[in-house]
Amino acid sequence: MARRIGSRYTAHQILGRGSAGTVWLGEGPEGPVAIKLLREDLSSDQELVGRFVQERTALLGLEHPHVVSVRDLVVDGNDLALVMDLVRGTDLRTRLDRERRLAPEAAVAIAADVADGLAAAHAAGVVHRDVKPENVLLDMQGPLGPGGSHRALLTDFGVAKLIDTPRRTRASKIIGTPDYLAPEIVEGLPPRAAVDIYALATVLYELLAGFTPFGGGHPGAVLRRHVTETVVPLPGIPDELWQLLVQCLAKAPASRLRASELAARLRELLPLLAGMPPLDVDEPDTDQPEETAEELSGAAPAAGRPVRRGAVPLVPGAKPSDSNRDTHTSMRVPAPDELAGGAHGTARAPRAAGAPRPGSARNRAVTRRRRLTLAVAATLVTAAAVGTWLATTEDTPPPPRDQKNSAPATP
């Protein structure tokens, strides 16, 4: 059923749904458009609406071949909507779900397109803050690029910033998608352009491997890995590409490339990747809550073998889940002691081989068994001591009577 959006647009058909709202195929004065209608709870937030209007100039002024342009912002009653260019195609997540991983040449070409879009945004003073496959659209009607890739366009600029209002999140909260969050965001620092580079490098890793470098399990565990763990190498890709990934996944923001530098470096690598098939790598096992033997011993995993990701709760009171790709997940900023340890190749409290990770379900089970064993042992020792005392008491003859009182009377 068609519905009016403001006075100039009509929404005809739902194209997709996301955590921030619903995308409709619409019609405007200049032809077909995509209309992102934000959730009703967002449109009822007057503070957010005010920021929405304030961001109007920045969002409308961002135009680039690899950015989905925002044509208009509509605030009308309960409707809060972004009117955008219509891209005839699909999003990168849908392609990943279908193909699992891409050939290196196509993956790098897509990442280079996104880096070009980010370079334009950063030059305009706009940080995306939520770069992930769901926010990358593929233009299926345009010409094919290297490796048979479709032109990639980055969308949803400003949405994370709009939703991240002080009243909704405060300084102790994190807004974003855990798999792609840069370490500095996890540590509570303000997001700069470098967070987009980290997220894009994570996306490129995922396009190549079929999984993100630090994902899997409870979102709190994912956040901790971003801060403490080093990225697991991918076998079968040129060293130049791997070093580029490592640099852009650096924990220190200043060590990462700028978007324009990353785009140029990626395009330089395309001839080297021509004809390479998709990588054949093992997928991490995220179904098991326990660690691998390598994690238990503190040893680094074998080259090219991903680490099994356990569900390690970091946020008290939360239940383990696999919803770490949800957009705009809100969690508190972990304390420093919660982020300490747990990294391969970084500082971690040593433990004996086979010992469970502190705080894990296995650790708690071992602790309970140990306490029960000690309690039973203490009970047995006490029972044995009492039994010994009783037996000794029964076998001991009564003490002699006092000689003075027991002596026979003298006539």
Protein backbone atom coordinates (compact mmCIF):
# COMPACT_ATOMS: atom_id res chain seq x y z
CA MET A 1 0.00 0.00 0.00
CA ALA A 2 1.37 3.40 -0.97
CA ARG A 3 1.96 6.00 1.75
CA ARG A 4 2.85 9.65 1.60
CA ILE A 5 6.19 10.78 2.99
CA GLY A 6 6.02 14.51 3.50
CA SER A 7 4.46 16.54 0.71
CA ARG A 8 6.76 15.51 -2.14
CA TYR A 9 7.29 11.75 -1.90
CA THR A 10 5.27 8.54 -2.07
CA ALA A 11 6.55 5.21 -0.73
CA HIS A 12 5.27 2.24 -2.75
CA GLN A 13 7.10 -0.92 -1.75
CA ILE A 14 9.41 -2.12 1.02
CA LEU A 15 12.89 -2.93 -0.29
CA GLY A 16 14.45 -3.96 2.99
CA ARG A 17 14.50 -3.61 6.74
CA GLY A 18 17.33 -2.66 9.07
CA SER A 19 17.80 -1.96 12.75
CA ALA A 20 17.47 1.80 12.14
CA GLY A 21 14.39 1.66 9.92
CA THR A 22 12.74 0.46 6.72
CA VAL A 23 13.85 1.22 3.15
CA TRP A 24 11.08 1.85 0.63
CA LEU A 25 10.98 2.16 -3.14
CA GLY A 26 9.49 5.60 -3.61
CA GLU A 27 8.65 8.27 -6.13
CA GLY A 28 9.55 11.94 -6.02
CA PRO A 29 9.39 14.99 -8.29
CA GLU A 30 12.54 13.82 -10.12
CA GLY A 31 11.65 10.14 -10.43
CA PRO A 32 12.31 6.94 -8.44
CA VAL A 33 14.07 7.27 -5.09
CA ALA A 34 14.90 5.14 -2.07
CA ILE A 35 13.30 6.35 1.15
CA LYS A 36 14.74 5.25 4.49
CA LEU A 37 12.01 5.70 7.06
CA LEU A 38 13.56 5.69 10.52
CA ARG A 39 11.94 3.82 13.38
CA GLU A 40 9.00 5.43 15.15
CA ASP A 41 10.82 5.52 18.49
CA LEU A 42 13.51 7.61 16.81
CA SER A 43 11.04 9.98 15.18
CA SER A 44 9.41 10.62 18.58
CA ASP A 45 12.73 11.69 20.10
CA GLN A 46 12.75 15.48 19.83
CA GLU A 47 16.44 15.73 20.59
CA LEU A 48 17.24 13.34 17.75
CA VAL A 49 14.94 15.23 15.38
CA GLY A 50 16.82 18.42 16.20
CA ARG A 51 20.16 16.80 15.42
CA PHE A 52 18.66 15.29 12.28
CA VAL A 53 17.85 18.79 11.01
CA GLN A 54 21.27 20.10 12.06
CA GLU A 55 23.01 17.40 10.00
CA ARG A 56 21.00 18.29 6.91
CA THR A 57 23.67 20.43 5.25
CA ALA A 58 26.47 17.90 5.78
CA LEU A 59 24.44 14.96 4.51
CA LEU A 60 22.99 16.74 1.49
CA GLY A 61 26.38 18.11 0.45
CA LEU A 62 28.08 14.72 0.21
CA GLU A 63 28.15 13.69 -3.46
CA HIS A 64 30.52 11.10 -4.94
CA PRO A 65 30.29 8.21 -7.45
CA HIS A 66 30.84 5.74 -4.60
CA VAL A 67 28.44 7.30 -2.11
CA VAL A 68 24.65 6.94 -2.15
CA SER A 69 23.64 10.60 -2.17
CA VAL A 70 20.99 11.91 0.21
CA ARG A 71 18.55 14.09 -1.73
CA ASP A 72 16.32 15.24 1.08
CA LEU A 73 15.51 14.88 4.76
CA VAL A 74 11.86 14.74 5.72
CA VAL A 75 10.48 15.59 9.15
CA ASP A 76 6.70 15.34 8.99
CA GLY A 77 4.63 14.34 12.00
CA ASN A 78 5.79 10.87 13.02
CA ASP A 79 7.82 10.44 9.83
CA LEU A 80 11.57 10.91 9.95
CA ALA A 81 13.06 9.92 6.60
CA LEU A 82 16.14 10.16 4.39
CA VAL A 83 15.38 10.36 0.66
CA MET A 84 18.30 8.84 -1.28
CA ASP A 85 19.36 7.90 -4.77
CA LEU A 86 17.91 4.57 -5.86
CA VAL A 87 20.61 1.96 -6.53
CA ARG A 88 19.44 -0.94 -8.69
CA GLY A 89 21.19 -3.86 -7.08
CA THR A 90 21.77 -5.54 -3.76
CA ASP A 91 23.86 -4.99 -0.65
CA LEU A 92 27.20 -6.63 0.01
CA ARG A 93 25.85 -8.70 2.91
CA THR A 94 23.37 -10.41 0.58
CA ARG A 95 26.17 -11.29 -1.82
CA LEU A 96 28.31 -12.61 1.02
CA ASP A 97 25.43 -14.72 2.30
CA ARG A 98 25.13 -16.20 -1.18
CA GLU A 99 28.80 -16.67 -2.06
CA ARG A 100 30.39 -16.83 1.40
CA ARG A 101 33.63 -15.25 0.20
CA LEU A 102 34.82 -13.41 -2.91
CA ALA A 103 37.82 -13.79 -5.17
CA PRO A 104 40.61 -11.48 -3.94
CA GLU A 105 40.50 -9.27 -7.05
CA ALA A 106 36.77 -8.58 -6.69
CA ALA A 107 37.06 -8.09 -2.91
CA VAL A 108 39.86 -5.56 -3.27
CA ALA A 109 38.05 -3.70 -6.06
CA ILE A 110 34.95 -3.31 -3.88
CA ALA A 111 37.04 -2.17 -0.90
CA ALA A 112 38.82 0.38 -3.12
CA ASP A 113 35.46 1.82 -4.21
CA VAL A 114 34.36 2.17 -0.59
CA ALA A 115 37.69 3.76 0.34
CA ASP A 116 37.18 6.34 -2.43
CA GLY A 117 33.77 7.17 -0.98
CA LEU A 118 35.21 7.46 2.52
CA ALA A 119 37.97 9.76 1.26
CA ALA A 120 35.34 12.17 -0.07
CA ALA A 121 33.36 11.99 3.17
CA HIS A 122 36.39 12.55 5.38
CA ALA A 123 37.45 15.51 3.26
CA ALA A 124 34.01 16.99 3.96
CA GLY A 125 34.40 16.37 7.68
CA VAL A 126 31.94 13.44 7.81
CA VAL A 127 32.77 10.17 9.59
CA HIS A 128 30.54 7.24 8.66
CA ARG A 129 30.95 5.26 11.94
CA ASP A 130 29.13 2.14 10.73
CA VAL A 131 30.99 0.74 7.70
CA LYS A 132 29.90 -2.88 7.17
CA PRO A 133 28.61 -5.06 4.30
CA GLU A 134 24.98 -4.13 5.00
CA ASN A 135 25.84 -0.49 4.25
CA VAL A 136 27.61 -1.19 0.94
CA LEU A 137 25.34 -1.33 -2.12
CA LEU A 138 26.32 -2.98 -5.41
CA ASP A 139 25.12 -1.35 -8.63
CA MET A 140 24.01 -4.28 -10.78
CA GLN A 141 23.16 -2.11 -13.79
CA GLY A 142 26.56 -0.53 -14.23
CA PRO A 143 29.58 -2.00 -16.04
CA LEU A 144 31.60 -4.73 -14.36
CA GLY A 145 34.91 -3.87 -12.75
CA PRO A 146 38.04 -5.93 -11.91
CA GLY A 147 37.29 -9.55 -11.12
CA GLY A 148 33.70 -9.13 -12.29
CA SER A 149 32.90 -6.80 -9.40
CA HIS A 150 29.99 -4.38 -9.47
CA ARG A 151 30.46 -0.73 -8.58
CA ALA A 152 30.19 -0.33 -4.81
CA LEU A 153 28.51 2.61 -3.09
CA LEU A 154 28.53 3.38 0.61
CA THR A 155 25.21 4.31 2.18
CA ASP A 156 23.74 5.33 5.56
CA PHE A 157 26.17 8.16 6.23
CA GLY A 158 25.31 9.95 9.43
CA VAL A 159 22.75 7.44 10.71
CA ALA A 160 24.95 6.17 13.55
CA LYS A 161 25.81 9.73 14.52
CA LEU A 162 22.16 10.75 14.47
CA ILE A 163 21.15 7.86 16.70
CA ASP A 164 24.10 8.36 19.06
CA THR A 165 22.57 11.25 21.01
CA PRO A 166 23.95 12.15 24.44
CA ARG A 167 20.65 11.48 26.15
CA ARG A 168 20.26 8.06 24.54
CA THR A 169 23.78 6.78 25.11
CA ARG A 170 25.74 9.04 27.47
CA ALA A 171 29.54 8.78 27.64
CA SER A 172 29.44 5.26 29.11
CA LYS A 173 27.74 3.66 26.09
CA ILE A 174 28.92 2.29 22.76
CA ILE A 175 26.90 2.67 19.57
CA GLY A 176 27.85 0.54 16.59
CA THR A 177 28.16 -2.97 15.19
CA PRO A 178 30.57 -5.01 17.39
CA ASP A 179 32.31 -6.93 14.58
CA TYR A 180 33.52 -3.69 12.95
CA LEU A 181 34.19 -1.39 15.93
CA ALA A 182 37.67 0.11 16.17
CA PRO A 183 39.53 -0.41 19.49
CA GLU A 184 39.46 3.29 20.35
CA ILE A 185 35.66 3.29 20.29
CA VAL A 186 35.61 0.30 22.64
CA GLU A 187 37.91 2.25 24.97
CA GLY A 188 35.53 5.20 24.98
CA LEU A 189 37.41 7.63 22.72
CA PRO A 190 35.52 9.83 20.24
CA PRO A 191 35.27 8.40 16.70
CA ARG A 192 37.58 9.96 14.10
CA ALA A 193 38.15 9.14 10.44
CA ALA A 194 40.47 6.25 11.39
CA VAL A 195 37.53 4.23 12.75
CA ASP A 196 36.16 3.97 9.20
CA ILE A 197 39.50 2.66 7.94
CA TYR A 198 39.54 -0.04 10.62
CA ALA A 199 35.97 -1.04 9.79
CA LEU A 200 36.70 -1.17 6.04
CA ALA A 201 39.77 -3.35 6.64
CA THR A 202 37.54 -5.66 8.69
CA VAL A 203 35.07 -5.80 5.79
CA LEU A 204 37.87 -6.62 3.33
CA TYR A 205 39.11 -9.39 5.63
CA GLU A 206 35.57 -10.75 5.73
CA LEU A 207 35.24 -10.61 1.92
CA LEU A 208 38.43 -12.65 1.62
CA ALA A 209 37.94 -15.11 4.48
CA GLY A 210 34.18 -15.38 4.90
CA PHE A 211 34.34 -14.28 8.54
CA THR A 212 35.48 -11.21 10.46
CA PRO A 213 38.84 -11.28 12.27
CA PHE A 214 37.47 -10.72 15.79
CA GLY A 215 33.83 -11.78 15.54
CA GLY A 216 31.87 -14.66 17.03
CA GLY A 217 30.16 -15.30 20.34
CA HIS A 218 28.98 -12.73 22.83
CA PRO A 219 29.29 -9.08 21.70
CA GLY A 220 31.26 -8.29 24.86
CA ALA A 221 33.88 -10.86 23.90
CA VAL A 222 34.07 -9.34 20.42
CA LEU A 223 34.75 -5.91 21.92
CA ARG A 224 37.54 -7.31 24.07
CA ARG A 225 39.21 -9.00 21.10
CA HIS A 226 39.32 -5.73 19.17
CA VAL A 227 41.40 -4.24 21.98
CA THR A 228 43.60 -7.18 22.94
CA GLU A 229 43.96 -9.72 20.13
CA THR A 230 46.13 -9.70 17.05
CA VAL A 231 44.63 -10.59 13.67
CA VAL A 232 45.03 -14.19 12.48
CA PRO A 233 46.93 -14.40 9.15
CA LEU A 234 45.13 -15.49 5.99
CA PRO A 235 47.05 -18.04 3.91
CA GLY A 236 47.15 -17.75 0.16
CA ILE A 237 47.10 -13.98 -0.33
CA PRO A 238 50.09 -11.89 -1.44
CA ASP A 239 52.17 -10.48 1.36
CA GLU A 240 51.62 -6.93 0.06
CA LEU A 241 47.87 -7.29 0.61
CA TRP A 242 48.31 -8.87 4.02
CA GLN A 243 50.62 -6.11 5.23
CA LEU A 244 48.09 -3.55 4.05
CA LEU A 245 45.36 -5.28 6.07
CA VAL A 246 47.56 -5.46 9.16
CA GLN A 247 48.38 -1.75 8.92
CA CYS A 248 44.73 -0.75 8.64
CA LEU A 249 43.77 -3.06 11.52
CA ALA A 250 46.40 -1.51 13.78
CA LYS A 251 45.25 -0.82 17.33
CA ALA A 252 46.71 2.70 17.20
CA PRO A 253 44.59 4.98 14.96
CA ALA A 254 47.62 6.99 13.86
CA SER A 255 49.20 3.86 12.35
CA ARG A 256 46.37 3.35 9.85
CA LEU A 257 46.33 4.74 6.32
CA ARG A 258 44.06 7.56 5.27
CA ALA A 259 41.15 6.63 3.02
CA SER A 260 42.68 8.13 -0.11
CA GLU A 261 45.98 6.29 0.53
CA LEU A 262 44.15 3.02 1.12
CA ALA A 263 42.16 3.36 -2.12
CA ALA A 264 45.32 4.02 -4.14
CA ARG A 265 47.24 1.12 -2.56
CA LEU A 266 44.36 -1.29 -3.14
CA ARG A 267 44.09 -0.38 -6.82
CA GLU A 268 47.84 -0.88 -7.22
CA LEU A 269 47.40 -4.47 -6.02
CA LEU A 270 44.66 -5.40 -8.50
CA PRO A 271 46.98 -6.69 -11.30
CA LEU A 272 48.71 -8.94 -8.75
CA LEU A 273 45.37 -10.53 -7.82
CA ALA A 274 43.97 -11.13 -11.31
CA GLY A 275 42.66 -14.67 -11.76
CA MET A 276 43.12 -15.75 -8.12
CA PRO A 277 40.27 -17.98 -6.89
CA PRO A 278 38.53 -17.40 -3.56
CA LEU A 279 40.59 -18.47 -0.56
CA ASP A 280 40.15 -21.94 0.88
CA VAL A 281 40.31 -21.34 4.62
CA ASP A 282 38.66 -22.92 7.64
CA GLU A 283 35.72 -21.13 9.17
CA PRO A 284 35.97 -20.45 12.92
CA ASP A 285 33.81 -22.62 15.14
CA THR A 286 31.54 -20.23 17.05
CA ASP A 287 29.12 -22.88 18.28
CA GLN A 288 31.32 -24.23 21.05
CA PRO A 289 31.55 -22.20 24.27
CA GLU A 290 34.94 -23.64 25.20
CA GLU A 291 38.36 -22.56 23.99
CA THR A 292 40.66 -24.55 21.74
CA ALA A 293 43.62 -26.41 23.18
CA GLU A 294 45.87 -23.74 21.70
CA GLU A 295 43.94 -20.98 23.48
CA LEU A 296 44.02 -22.97 26.71
CA SER A 297 47.79 -23.35 26.53
CA GLY A 298 48.33 -19.74 25.50
CA ALA A 299 50.03 -20.78 22.28
CA ALA A 300 49.47 -19.01 18.99
CA PRO A 301 47.18 -20.85 16.54
CA ALA A 302 48.64 -22.65 13.57
CA ALA A 303 49.23 -20.43 10.57
CA GLY A 304 46.05 -19.84 8.65
CA ARG A 305 43.87 -21.54 11.21
CA PRO A 306 41.22 -19.31 12.76
CA VAL A 307 40.74 -19.26 16.51
CA ARG A 308 37.57 -20.81 17.91
CA ARG A 309 35.48 -18.04 19.41
CA GLY A 310 33.83 -18.79 22.73
CA ALA A 311 30.88 -16.93 24.20
CA VAL A 312 32.66 -14.97 26.92
CA PRO A 313 30.29 -12.55 28.69
CA LEU A 314 31.84 -9.15 29.28
CA VAL A 315 28.76 -7.06 29.99
CA PRO A 316 27.27 -8.24 33.32
CA GLY A 317 23.70 -9.51 33.10
CA ALA A 318 23.76 -10.04 29.32
CA LYS A 319 23.10 -13.41 27.72
CA PRO A 320 25.43 -14.89 25.09
CA SER A 321 24.13 -14.57 21.55
CA ASP A 322 25.29 -14.38 17.97
CA SER A 323 23.66 -11.02 17.26
CA ASN A 324 26.99 -9.27 16.94
CA ARG A 325 26.08 -7.93 13.50
CA ASP A 326 23.12 -5.97 14.83
CA THR A 327 23.44 -2.31 13.95
CA HIS A 328 23.68 0.27 16.68
CA THR A 329 24.06 -2.20 19.51
CA SER A 330 24.22 -0.21 22.73
CA MET A 331 26.57 -1.46 25.45
CA ARG A 332 28.47 0.14 28.24
CA VAL A 333 32.17 0.89 27.75
CA PRO A 334 34.13 -2.01 29.33
CA ALA A 335 36.40 -1.21 32.28
CA PRO A 336 40.18 -1.54 31.74
CA ASP A 337 40.38 -4.69 33.87
CA GLU A 338 37.70 -6.33 31.71
CA LEU A 339 39.67 -5.61 28.55
CA ALA A 340 42.96 -6.90 29.95
CA GLY A 341 44.35 -10.20 28.67
CA GLY A 342 43.01 -12.74 26.26
CA ALA A 343 45.20 -11.91 23.25
CA HIS A 344 47.45 -14.13 21.20
CA GLY A 345 50.81 -12.40 20.93
CA THR A 346 49.95 -9.75 23.51
CA ALA A 347 50.15 -9.50 27.28
CA ARG A 348 48.15 -12.19 29.04
CA ALA A 349 48.38 -13.76 32.46
CA PRO A 350 50.16 -17.12 31.93
CA ARG A 351 48.40 -20.32 32.88
CA ALA A 352 49.26 -24.00 32.69
CA ALA A 353 48.43 -26.00 29.59
CA GLY A 354 44.89 -27.29 29.75
CA ALA A 355 43.81 -24.74 32.35
CA PRO A 356 40.48 -23.05 31.60
CA ARG A 357 40.31 -19.36 30.77
CA PRO A 358 39.47 -17.32 33.91
CA GLY A 359 35.83 -16.33 33.94
CA SER A 360 34.78 -18.90 31.34
CA ALA A 361 31.97 -21.39 31.88
CA ARG A 362 34.53 -24.16 32.12
CA ASN A 363 36.49 -22.23 34.75
CA ARG A 364 33.36 -21.78 36.84
CA ALA A 365 32.51 -25.49 36.54
CA VAL A 366 36.03 -26.48 37.59
CA THR A 367 35.84 -24.09 40.55
CA ARG A 368 32.49 -25.57 41.64
CA ARG A 369 33.85 -29.12 41.40
CA ARG A 370 36.93 -28.12 43.36
CA ARG A 371 34.85 -26.53 46.12
CA LEU A 372 32.55 -29.57 46.27
CA THR A 373 35.54 -31.90 46.47
CA LEU A 374 37.07 -29.86 49.30
CA ALA A 375 33.75 -29.80 51.15
CA VAL A 376 33.35 -33.57 50.85
CA ALA A 377 36.94 -34.12 51.90
CA ALA A 378 36.48 -31.85 54.90
CA THR A 379 33.34 -33.75 55.88
CA LEU A 380 35.11 -37.09 55.59
CA VAL A 381 38.07 -35.87 57.63
CA THR A 382 35.75 -34.55 60.31
CA ALA A 383 33.77 -37.79 60.36
CA ALA A 384 36.97 -39.82 60.59
CA ALA A 385 38.25 -37.67 63.44
CA VAL A 386 34.99 -38.06 65.36
CA GLY A 387 34.96 -41.80 64.75
CA THR A 388 38.54 -42.12 65.96
CA TRP A 389 37.75 -40.16 69.07
CA LEU A 390 34.71 -42.33 69.86
CA ALA A 391 36.65 -45.53 69.29
CA THR A 392 39.47 -44.34 71.52
CA THR A 393 37.01 -43.38 74.22
CA GLU A 394 35.39 -46.88 74.21
CA ASP A 395 38.71 -48.78 74.36
CA THR A 396 40.25 -46.74 77.17
CA PRO A 397 39.76 -48.24 80.70
CA PRO A 398 38.14 -45.99 83.28
CA PRO A 399 40.60 -43.99 85.31
CA PRO A 400 41.62 -45.57 88.70
CA ARG A 401 39.68 -44.55 91.75
CA ASP A 402 41.29 -42.17 94.11
CA GLN A 403 43.47 -44.31 96.44
CA LYS A 404 42.56 -42.20 99.43
CA ASN A 405 38.87 -42.73 98.94
CA SER A 406 39.02 -46.34 97.76
CA ALA A 407 41.29 -47.81 100.45
CA PRO A 408 39.50 -50.26 102.77
CA ALA A 409 38.71 -49.00 106.19
CA THR A 410 41.18 -49.96 108.92
CA PRO A 411 39.58 -51.45 111.98
